[in-house]
């Protein structure tokens, strides 16, 4: 993905004025989570419940250049965390994952996604209730979209064999990504014992 191919209108910076969103630097890697991203990298958005723990799952993977949390898939422009938590914006809590496909494939990230949460729960994830906690994959291009849908079919077969319910994950091309406020970026680095509600199904991909 050349930098010139990025549609920068799909990325909207947080407006809370905090230092971390002003600089856009990841607390662990030191890389900027604002575009443009390095030539050759790709990206996708993953929603799988509360974005604090979800972001950590992806930054731990080798080959991931940078991660950030934000809001996507809704209708409210420039939403705040409080507005998203009201369930009235239509946005999901999402993680932006920028990765080097020479080191980690999109398929590897899909495996992390499917195994790290329960994609059958609709508008919730565990005890976290509301449309902001729904499961979703937002793809950067048509090829990713094909791969994501195929991975869903594959994992549904695995879940069905294990007696589990139907997947409710939304899979679509990337909507606008609104970066979350600075306090939420890499939250579990700031708060190592902070809340993480991620629970997988126990069914391997």
Protein backbone atom coordinates (compact mmCIF):
# COMPACT_ATOMS: atom_id res chain seq x y z
CA UNK A 1 0.00 0.00 0.00
CA UNK A 2 1.71 3.16 -1.14
CA UNK A 3 1.15 6.22 1.01
CA UNK A 4 -0.36 7.96 -2.01
CA UNK A 5 -3.13 5.36 -2.07
CA UNK A 6 -4.40 6.23 1.40
CA UNK A 7 -7.70 8.04 1.60
CA UNK A 8 -6.82 10.36 4.47
CA UNK A 9 -10.44 11.41 4.83
CA UNK A 10 -11.10 8.01 6.42
CA UNK A 11 -8.92 8.89 9.43
CA UNK A 12 -10.11 11.60 11.82
CA UNK A 13 -7.85 12.61 14.71
CA UNK A 14 -9.16 12.86 18.25
CA UNK A 15 -10.03 16.37 19.33
CA UNK A 16 -9.59 16.15 23.11
CA UNK A 17 -6.29 18.02 22.95
CA UNK A 18 -4.31 15.53 25.02
CA UNK A 19 -0.59 15.14 24.41
CA UNK A 20 -0.80 11.58 23.13
CA UNK A 21 -3.35 12.45 20.44
CA UNK A 22 -1.42 15.58 19.54
CA UNK A 23 1.74 13.55 18.91
CA UNK A 24 0.04 10.32 17.83
CA UNK A 25 2.89 8.19 19.18
CA UNK A 26 2.28 4.64 20.36
CA UNK A 27 3.38 4.21 23.97
CA UNK A 28 5.11 0.88 23.31
CA UNK A 29 6.60 1.09 19.82
CA UNK A 30 7.01 4.84 19.56
CA UNK A 31 5.57 4.71 16.02
CA UNK A 32 2.96 7.22 14.91
CA UNK A 33 -0.55 5.83 14.66
CA UNK A 34 -1.63 8.64 12.34
CA UNK A 35 -1.28 8.27 8.56
CA UNK A 36 0.53 8.30 6.27
CA UNK A 37 1.94 4.92 7.22
CA UNK A 38 5.19 3.41 5.88
CA UNK A 39 5.16 2.23 2.28
CA UNK A 40 4.36 -1.46 2.02
CA UNK A 41 2.22 -1.60 5.16
CA UNK A 42 -1.46 -2.46 5.20
CA UNK A 43 -4.18 -1.87 7.76
CA UNK A 44 -7.57 -3.10 8.94
CA UNK A 45 -10.03 -2.31 11.72
CA UNK A 46 -11.19 -4.95 14.20
CA UNK A 47 -14.06 -4.59 16.70
CA UNK A 48 -14.36 -7.29 19.35
CA UNK A 49 -15.78 -5.75 22.50
CA UNK A 50 -14.01 -3.26 24.75
CA UNK A 51 -11.10 -1.89 22.75
CA UNK A 52 -8.64 -1.73 25.65
CA UNK A 53 -7.89 -5.45 25.72
CA UNK A 54 -8.45 -5.89 21.99
CA UNK A 55 -5.68 -3.42 21.16
CA UNK A 56 -3.22 -5.34 23.34
CA UNK A 57 -3.93 -8.60 21.50
CA UNK A 58 -2.75 -7.02 18.26
CA UNK A 59 0.22 -4.96 19.46
CA UNK A 60 1.68 -8.18 20.90
CA UNK A 61 1.90 -9.73 17.42
CA UNK A 62 5.22 -9.51 15.63
CA UNK A 63 4.91 -7.68 12.32
CA UNK A 64 2.31 -5.20 13.59
CA UNK A 65 3.71 -1.71 12.99
CA UNK A 66 1.29 0.20 15.19
CA UNK A 67 -2.16 0.03 16.76
CA UNK A 68 -4.69 2.61 17.90
CA UNK A 69 -8.23 2.58 19.25
CA UNK A 70 -11.21 4.51 18.03
CA UNK A 71 -14.77 4.43 16.81
CA UNK A 72 -16.13 3.16 13.48
CA UNK A 73 -19.25 1.97 11.71
CA UNK A 74 -21.70 4.53 13.09
CA UNK A 75 -23.39 7.73 12.01
CA UNK A 76 -22.23 10.35 14.52
CA UNK A 77 -19.32 12.55 13.44
CA UNK A 78 -16.44 13.08 15.89
CA UNK A 79 -18.04 11.07 18.69
CA UNK A 80 -16.75 11.13 22.25
CA UNK A 81 -16.26 8.02 24.36
CA UNK A 82 -19.29 8.94 26.44
CA UNK A 83 -21.43 9.34 23.34
CA UNK A 84 -20.31 5.99 21.94
CA UNK A 85 -21.02 4.30 25.29
CA UNK A 86 -24.58 5.62 25.14
CA UNK A 87 -25.20 3.21 22.27
CA UNK A 88 -26.84 5.97 20.25
CA UNK A 89 -24.01 6.74 17.80
CA UNK A 90 -24.01 3.38 16.00
CA UNK A 91 -20.23 3.21 16.36
CA UNK A 92 -18.30 0.16 17.49
CA UNK A 93 -15.18 0.36 19.63
CA UNK A 94 -12.53 -0.60 17.08
CA UNK A 95 -8.79 -1.19 16.85
CA UNK A 96 -6.75 0.10 13.93
CA UNK A 97 -4.01 -2.42 13.12
CA UNK A 98 -1.25 -1.32 10.73
CA UNK A 99 0.94 -4.25 9.74
CA UNK A 100 3.75 -5.30 7.45
CA UNK A 101 2.42 -8.17 5.29
CA UNK A 102 5.99 -9.37 4.77
CA UNK A 103 6.10 -10.23 8.49
CA UNK A 104 2.48 -10.98 9.39
CA UNK A 105 -0.36 -11.80 7.03
CA UNK A 106 -3.92 -10.56 7.18
CA UNK A 107 -4.89 -14.21 7.72
CA UNK A 108 -2.82 -14.26 10.91
CA UNK A 109 -4.65 -11.20 12.22
CA UNK A 110 -7.98 -12.80 11.37
CA UNK A 111 -7.01 -15.82 13.45
CA UNK A 112 -6.24 -13.55 16.41
CA UNK A 113 -9.58 -11.83 15.89
CA UNK A 114 -11.72 -14.97 15.77
CA UNK A 115 -10.02 -16.71 18.68
CA UNK A 116 -9.87 -13.70 21.02
CA UNK A 117 -13.60 -13.06 21.46
CA UNK A 118 -17.02 -14.62 20.99
CA UNK A 119 -18.31 -13.47 17.58
CA UNK A 120 -21.79 -14.96 18.14
CA UNK A 121 -23.11 -12.53 20.75
CA UNK A 122 -24.66 -9.77 18.66
CA UNK A 123 -24.69 -6.38 20.39
CA UNK A 124 -22.60 -7.41 23.34
CA UNK A 125 -19.39 -9.06 24.44
CA UNK A 126 -19.69 -10.91 27.73
CA UNK A 127 -21.07 -8.55 30.36
CA UNK A 128 -20.47 -5.52 28.12
CA UNK A 129 -23.83 -4.67 26.55
CA UNK A 130 -24.55 -2.35 23.63
CA UNK A 131 -23.95 -1.87 19.93
CA UNK A 132 -20.52 -0.37 20.67
CA UNK A 133 -19.34 -3.84 21.74
CA UNK A 134 -20.41 -5.69 18.59
CA UNK A 135 -18.05 -7.81 16.53
CA UNK A 136 -16.85 -6.33 13.22
CA UNK A 137 -14.08 -6.43 10.63
CA UNK A 138 -13.60 -3.33 8.49
CA UNK A 139 -11.32 -3.99 5.53
CA UNK A 140 -9.06 -1.60 3.62
CA UNK A 141 -9.77 -3.11 0.20
CA UNK A 142 -11.76 -5.70 -1.73
CA UNK A 143 -9.11 -8.41 -1.35
CA UNK A 144 -9.22 -8.18 2.43
CA UNK A 145 -13.01 -8.27 2.25
CA UNK A 146 -12.91 -11.56 0.36
CA UNK A 147 -10.42 -13.02 2.85
CA UNK A 148 -12.42 -11.85 5.86
CA UNK A 149 -15.67 -13.37 4.55
CA UNK A 150 -13.91 -16.66 3.76
CA UNK A 151 -12.42 -16.73 7.27
CA UNK A 152 -15.88 -16.20 8.72
CA UNK A 153 -17.25 -19.17 6.80
CA UNK A 154 -14.32 -21.28 7.97
CA UNK A 155 -14.72 -20.33 11.62
CA UNK A 156 -18.47 -20.85 11.46
CA UNK A 157 -17.83 -24.44 10.43
CA UNK A 158 -15.55 -24.84 13.44
CA UNK A 159 -18.12 -23.28 15.77
CA UNK A 160 -20.97 -25.35 14.37
CA UNK A 161 -18.98 -28.53 14.87
CA UNK A 162 -18.49 -27.47 18.49
CA UNK A 163 -22.22 -26.84 18.97
CA UNK A 164 -21.91 -23.07 19.06
CA UNK A 165 -24.25 -20.40 17.67
CA UNK A 166 -24.17 -18.41 14.42
CA UNK A 167 -21.58 -15.68 13.90
CA UNK A 168 -22.99 -12.13 14.01
CA UNK A 169 -19.80 -10.32 12.95
CA UNK A 170 -20.23 -7.36 10.62
CA UNK A 171 -17.78 -7.49 7.68
CA UNK A 172 -17.51 -4.46 5.42
CA UNK A 173 -15.14 -2.03 3.74
CA UNK A 174 -13.63 0.56 6.04
CA UNK A 175 -15.86 3.39 7.23
CA UNK A 176 -14.40 6.57 8.71
CA UNK A 177 -12.18 5.81 11.72
CA UNK A 178 -12.44 8.35 14.52
CA UNK A 179 -9.46 8.09 16.87
CA UNK A 180 -10.41 7.75 20.52
CA UNK A 181 -9.26 10.18 23.17
CA UNK A 182 -5.68 9.93 24.40
CA UNK A 183 -6.60 8.29 27.70
CA UNK A 184 -7.84 5.23 25.79
CA UNK A 185 -4.78 4.76 23.56
CA UNK A 186 -2.73 1.79 24.80
CA UNK A 187 -4.86 1.84 27.95
CA UNK A 188 -3.39 -1.37 29.35
CA UNK A 189 0.12 0.06 29.17
CA UNK A 190 -1.03 2.99 31.27
CA UNK A 191 -3.07 0.66 33.53
CA UNK A 192 -1.47 -2.82 33.53
CA UNK A 193 -4.19 -4.18 35.82
CA UNK A 194 -6.99 -2.43 33.96
CA UNK A 195 -10.17 -4.01 32.71
CA UNK A 196 -10.03 -6.52 29.86
CA UNK A 197 -13.28 -8.33 29.11
CA UNK A 198 -12.05 -10.46 26.20
CA UNK A 199 -13.11 -14.09 26.37
CA UNK A 200 -12.76 -16.42 23.43
CA UNK A 201 -15.06 -19.35 22.68
CA UNK A 202 -12.30 -21.89 23.25
CA UNK A 203 -12.78 -23.07 19.64
CA UNK A 204 -9.55 -22.92 17.67
CA UNK A 205 -9.55 -21.28 14.27
